[in-house]
């Protein structure tokens, strides 16, 4: 029994003086703090990146909406213009200016519609696949 007590005392002594010394405790604490700090830095950088991406998408959406609003405003200006109103009066109400003669043309027949159709010209393109270095050479030295 005394052999086991001695072994336990030796283990307790080693733990207390070798492993749990002030230097070792401070070292372990410092390592843990560095790991926590590194993890928090990575989390903060990730959050900043996500916020930047969201800001960029919102800015693109804002620009698109501004262009759409500007287009709608220009369309409204055009619809309010005298030119548009005159064209619609001519088209829908068969109106004309004094001194003008209106000529109604018959609808085009199928023969007339197909008379001047253009024939599609097929152009053979070089579809050879190039390796990456060849692509760079062709890009840099055309």
C-alpha atoms as a PDB file:
ATOM      1  CA  UNK A   1       0.000   0.000   0.000  1.00  0.00           C
ATOM      2  CA  UNK A   2       2.825   2.364   0.813  1.00  0.00           C
ATOM      3  CA  UNK A   3       4.163   1.785  -2.740  1.00  0.00           C
ATOM      4  CA  UNK A   4       0.915   3.061  -4.226  1.00  0.00           C
ATOM      5  CA  UNK A   5       0.898   6.051  -1.844  1.00  0.00           C
ATOM      6  CA  UNK A   6       4.442   6.916  -2.882  1.00  0.00           C
ATOM      7  CA  UNK A   7       3.522   6.675  -6.572  1.00  0.00           C
ATOM      8  CA  UNK A   8       0.486   8.944  -6.025  1.00  0.00           C
ATOM      9  CA  UNK A   9       2.633  11.441  -4.107  1.00  0.00           C
ATOM     10  CA  UNK A  10       5.214  11.429  -6.883  1.00  0.00           C
ATOM     11  CA  UNK A  11       2.534  12.033  -9.521  1.00  0.00           C
ATOM     12  CA  UNK A  12       0.976  14.796  -7.413  1.00  0.00           C
ATOM     13  CA  UNK A  13       4.384  16.419  -6.911  1.00  0.00           C
ATOM     14  CA  UNK A  14       5.182  16.305 -10.656  1.00  0.00           C
ATOM     15  CA  UNK A  15       1.795  17.775 -11.557  1.00  0.00           C
ATOM     16  CA  UNK A  16       2.151  20.547  -9.029  1.00  0.00           C
ATOM     17  CA  UNK A  17       5.776  21.491  -9.713  1.00  0.00           C
ATOM     18  CA  UNK A  18       6.382  20.418 -13.326  1.00  0.00           C
ATOM     19  CA  UNK A  19       3.101  20.874 -15.191  1.00  0.00           C
ATOM     20  CA  UNK A  20       1.145  23.381 -13.138  1.00  0.00           C
ATOM     21  CA  UNK A  21       3.927  25.858 -12.612  1.00  0.00           C
ATOM     22  CA  UNK A  22       3.203  29.549 -13.119  1.00  0.00           C
ATOM     23  CA  UNK A  23       5.176  29.589 -16.378  1.00  0.00           C
ATOM     24  CA  UNK A  24       3.203  26.682 -17.857  1.00  0.00           C
ATOM     25  CA  UNK A  25      -0.155  28.127 -16.773  1.00  0.00           C
ATOM     26  CA  UNK A  26       0.721  31.515 -18.307  1.00  0.00           C
ATOM     27  CA  UNK A  27       1.921  29.803 -21.504  1.00  0.00           C
ATOM     28  CA  UNK A  28      -1.297  27.767 -21.893  1.00  0.00           C
ATOM     29  CA  UNK A  29      -3.395  30.842 -21.114  1.00  0.00           C
ATOM     30  CA  UNK A  30      -1.458  32.861 -23.744  1.00  0.00           C
ATOM     31  CA  UNK A  31      -1.928  30.156 -26.376  1.00  0.00           C
ATOM     32  CA  UNK A  32      -5.663  29.956 -25.660  1.00  0.00           C
ATOM     33  CA  UNK A  33      -5.988  33.754 -25.871  1.00  0.00           C
ATOM     34  CA  UNK A  34      -4.111  33.806 -29.214  1.00  0.00           C
ATOM     35  CA  UNK A  35      -6.426  31.134 -30.606  1.00  0.00           C
ATOM     36  CA  UNK A  36      -9.510  33.018 -29.434  1.00  0.00           C
ATOM     37  CA  UNK A  37      -8.186  36.275 -30.894  1.00  0.00           C
ATOM     38  CA  UNK A  38      -7.399  34.592 -34.226  1.00  0.00           C
ATOM     39  CA  UNK A  39     -10.853  33.004 -34.405  1.00  0.00           C
ATOM     40  CA  UNK A  40     -12.572  36.315 -33.626  1.00  0.00           C
ATOM     41  CA  UNK A  41     -10.473  38.082 -36.278  1.00  0.00           C
ATOM     42  CA  UNK A  42     -11.523  35.516 -38.883  1.00  0.00           C
ATOM     43  CA  UNK A  43     -15.177  35.891 -37.882  1.00  0.00           C
ATOM     44  CA  UNK A  44     -14.928  39.697 -38.158  1.00  0.00           C
ATOM     45  CA  UNK A  45     -13.255  39.511 -41.598  1.00  0.00           C
ATOM     46  CA  UNK A  46     -15.926  37.092 -42.819  1.00  0.00           C
ATOM     47  CA  UNK A  47     -18.699  39.393 -41.613  1.00  0.00           C
ATOM     48  CA  UNK A  48     -17.035  42.404 -43.260  1.00  0.00           C
ATOM     49  CA  UNK A  49     -16.756  40.505 -46.539  1.00  0.00           C
ATOM     50  CA  UNK A  50     -20.438  39.487 -46.429  1.00  0.00           C
ATOM     51  CA  UNK A  51     -21.496  43.059 -45.677  1.00  0.00           C
ATOM     52  CA  UNK A  52     -19.346  44.387 -48.514  1.00  0.00           C
ATOM     53  CA  UNK A  53     -20.895  41.898 -50.939  1.00  0.00           C
ATOM     54  CA  UNK A  54     -24.391  42.861 -49.802  1.00  0.00           C
ATOM     55  CA  UNK A  55     -23.541  46.550 -50.171  1.00  0.00           C
ATOM     56  CA  UNK A  56     -22.220  45.979 -53.703  1.00  0.00           C
ATOM     57  CA  UNK A  57     -25.379  44.081 -54.696  1.00  0.00           C
ATOM     58  CA  UNK A  58     -27.574  46.792 -53.221  1.00  0.00           C
ATOM     59  CA  UNK A  59     -25.596  49.479 -55.084  1.00  0.00           C
ATOM     60  CA  UNK A  60     -26.004  47.603 -58.369  1.00  0.00           C
ATOM     61  CA  UNK A  61     -29.726  47.233 -57.721  1.00  0.00           C
ATOM     62  CA  UNK A  62     -29.968  50.940 -56.900  1.00  0.00           C
ATOM     63  CA  UNK A  63     -28.205  51.890 -60.147  1.00  0.00           C
ATOM     64  CA  UNK A  64     -30.492  49.592 -62.137  1.00  0.00           C
ATOM     65  CA  UNK A  65     -33.574  51.108 -60.521  1.00  0.00           C
ATOM     66  CA  UNK A  66     -32.288  54.636 -61.214  1.00  0.00           C
ATOM     67  CA  UNK A  67     -31.864  53.749 -64.882  1.00  0.00           C
ATOM     68  CA  UNK A  68     -35.372  52.255 -64.983  1.00  0.00           C
ATOM     69  CA  UNK A  69     -36.836  55.377 -63.356  1.00  0.00           C
ATOM     70  CA  UNK A  70     -34.973  57.613 -65.790  1.00  0.00           C
ATOM     71  CA  UNK A  71     -36.233  55.525 -68.718  1.00  0.00           C
ATOM     72  CA  UNK A  72     -39.799  55.744 -67.434  1.00  0.00           C
ATOM     73  CA  UNK A  73     -39.487  59.524 -67.052  1.00  0.00           C
ATOM     74  CA  UNK A  74     -38.184  59.862 -70.605  1.00  0.00           C
ATOM     75  CA  UNK A  75     -41.043  57.685 -71.887  1.00  0.00           C
ATOM     76  CA  UNK A  76     -43.533  59.888 -70.044  1.00  0.00           C
ATOM     77  CA  UNK A  77     -41.974  63.001 -71.566  1.00  0.00           C
ATOM     78  CA  UNK A  78     -42.211  61.428 -75.010  1.00  0.00           C
ATOM     79  CA  UNK A  79     -45.862  60.435 -74.492  1.00  0.00           C
ATOM     80  CA  UNK A  80     -46.653  64.012 -73.436  1.00  0.00           C
ATOM     81  CA  UNK A  81     -44.874  65.527 -76.449  1.00  0.00           C
ATOM     82  CA  UNK A  82     -46.779  66.971 -79.382  1.00  0.00           C
ATOM     83  CA  UNK A  83     -44.917  64.683 -81.779  1.00  0.00           C
ATOM     84  CA  UNK A  84     -46.250  61.528 -80.108  1.00  0.00           C
ATOM     85  CA  UNK A  85     -49.748  62.925 -79.814  1.00  0.00           C
ATOM     86  CA  UNK A  86     -49.734  63.858 -83.503  1.00  0.00           C
ATOM     87  CA  UNK A  87     -48.488  60.389 -84.500  1.00  0.00           C
ATOM     88  CA  UNK A  88     -51.159  58.666 -82.399  1.00  0.00           C
ATOM     89  CA  UNK A  89     -53.873  60.971 -83.751  1.00  0.00           C
ATOM     90  CA  UNK A  90     -52.776  60.107 -87.299  1.00  0.00           C
ATOM     91  CA  UNK A  91     -52.588  56.399 -86.544  1.00  0.00           C
ATOM     92  CA  UNK A  92     -55.636  55.816 -84.364  1.00  0.00           C
ATOM     93  CA  UNK A  93     -58.019  58.602 -85.371  1.00  0.00           C
ATOM     94  CA  UNK A  94     -57.034  58.986 -89.058  1.00  0.00           C
ATOM     95  CA  UNK A  95     -56.294  62.685 -88.515  1.00  0.00           C
ATOM     96  CA  UNK A  96     -54.235  64.811 -90.898  1.00  0.00           C
ATOM     97  CA  UNK A  97     -52.806  68.283 -91.088  1.00  0.00           C
ATOM     98  CA  UNK A  98     -54.384  70.826 -93.410  1.00  0.00           C
ATOM     99  CA  UNK A  99     -53.124  70.358 -96.973  1.00  0.00           C
ATOM    100  CA  UNK A 100     -52.118  66.717 -96.452  1.00  0.00           C
ATOM    101  CA  UNK A 101     -53.676  63.818 -98.284  1.00  0.00           C
ATOM    102  CA  UNK A 102     -54.088  60.457 -96.589  1.00  0.00           C
ATOM    103  CA  UNK A 103     -53.331  57.404 -98.675  1.00  0.00           C
ATOM    104  CA  UNK A 104     -54.391  54.016 -97.365  1.00  0.00           C
ATOM    105  CA  UNK A 105     -52.235  51.170 -98.609  1.00  0.00           C
ATOM    106  CA  UNK A 106     -53.434  47.567 -98.725  1.00  0.00           C
ATOM    107  CA  UNK A 107     -51.794  44.968 -96.522  1.00  0.00           C
ATOM    108  CA  UNK A 108     -48.732  43.266 -97.971  1.00  0.00           C
ATOM    109  CA  UNK A 109     -49.267  39.844 -99.453  1.00  0.00           C
ATOM    110  CA  UNK A 110     -47.120  36.853 -98.534  1.00  0.00           C
ATOM    111  CA  UNK A 111     -45.301  37.153-101.872  1.00  0.00           C
ATOM    112  CA  UNK A 112     -44.368  40.762-101.113  1.00  0.00           C
ATOM    113  CA  UNK A 113     -43.266  39.909 -97.579  1.00  0.00           C
ATOM    114  CA  UNK A 114     -40.984  37.100 -98.762  1.00  0.00           C
ATOM    115  CA  UNK A 115     -39.621  38.881-101.851  1.00  0.00           C
ATOM    116  CA  UNK A 116     -36.564  40.453-100.292  1.00  0.00           C
ATOM    117  CA  UNK A 117     -35.713  37.926 -97.599  1.00  0.00           C
ATOM    118  CA  UNK A 118     -32.019  37.664 -97.071  1.00  0.00           C
ATOM    119  CA  UNK A 119     -30.326  34.318 -97.279  1.00  0.00           C
ATOM    120  CA  UNK A 120     -28.449  33.492 -94.117  1.00  0.00           C
ATOM    121  CA  UNK A 121     -24.744  33.219 -94.861  1.00  0.00           C
ATOM    122  CA  UNK A 122     -22.962  30.664 -92.762  1.00  0.00           C
ATOM    123  CA  UNK A 123     -19.436  31.516 -91.809  1.00  0.00           C
ATOM    124  CA  UNK A 124     -17.218  28.747 -90.618  1.00  0.00           C
ATOM    125  CA  UNK A 125     -15.326  29.805 -87.582  1.00  0.00           C
ATOM    126  CA  UNK A 126     -12.171  28.229 -86.317  1.00  0.00           C
ATOM    127  CA  UNK A 127     -13.374  26.115 -83.413  1.00  0.00           C
ATOM    128  CA  UNK A 128     -10.040  24.536 -82.591  1.00  0.00           C
ATOM    129  CA  UNK A 129      -9.377  24.231 -78.887  1.00  0.00           C
ATOM    130  CA  UNK A 130      -6.091  25.755 -77.806  1.00  0.00           C
ATOM    131  CA  UNK A 131      -4.109  24.912 -74.718  1.00  0.00           C
ATOM    132  CA  UNK A 132      -3.708  27.545 -72.039  1.00  0.00           C
ATOM    133  CA  UNK A 133      -0.165  28.622 -73.090  1.00  0.00           C
ATOM    134  CA  UNK A 134      -1.313  28.856 -76.710  1.00  0.00           C
ATOM    135  CA  UNK A 135      -4.261  31.014 -75.649  1.00  0.00           C
ATOM    136  CA  UNK A 136      -1.900  33.337 -73.781  1.00  0.00           C
ATOM    137  CA  UNK A 137       0.419  33.557 -76.788  1.00  0.00           C
ATOM    138  CA  UNK A 138      -2.523  34.341 -79.090  1.00  0.00           C
ATOM    139  CA  UNK A 139      -3.779  36.931 -76.606  1.00  0.00           C
ATOM    140  CA  UNK A 140      -0.422  38.650 -76.099  1.00  0.00           C
ATOM    141  CA  UNK A 141       0.835  38.345 -79.679  1.00  0.00           C
ATOM    142  CA  UNK A 142      -2.150  38.429 -82.072  1.00  0.00           C
END
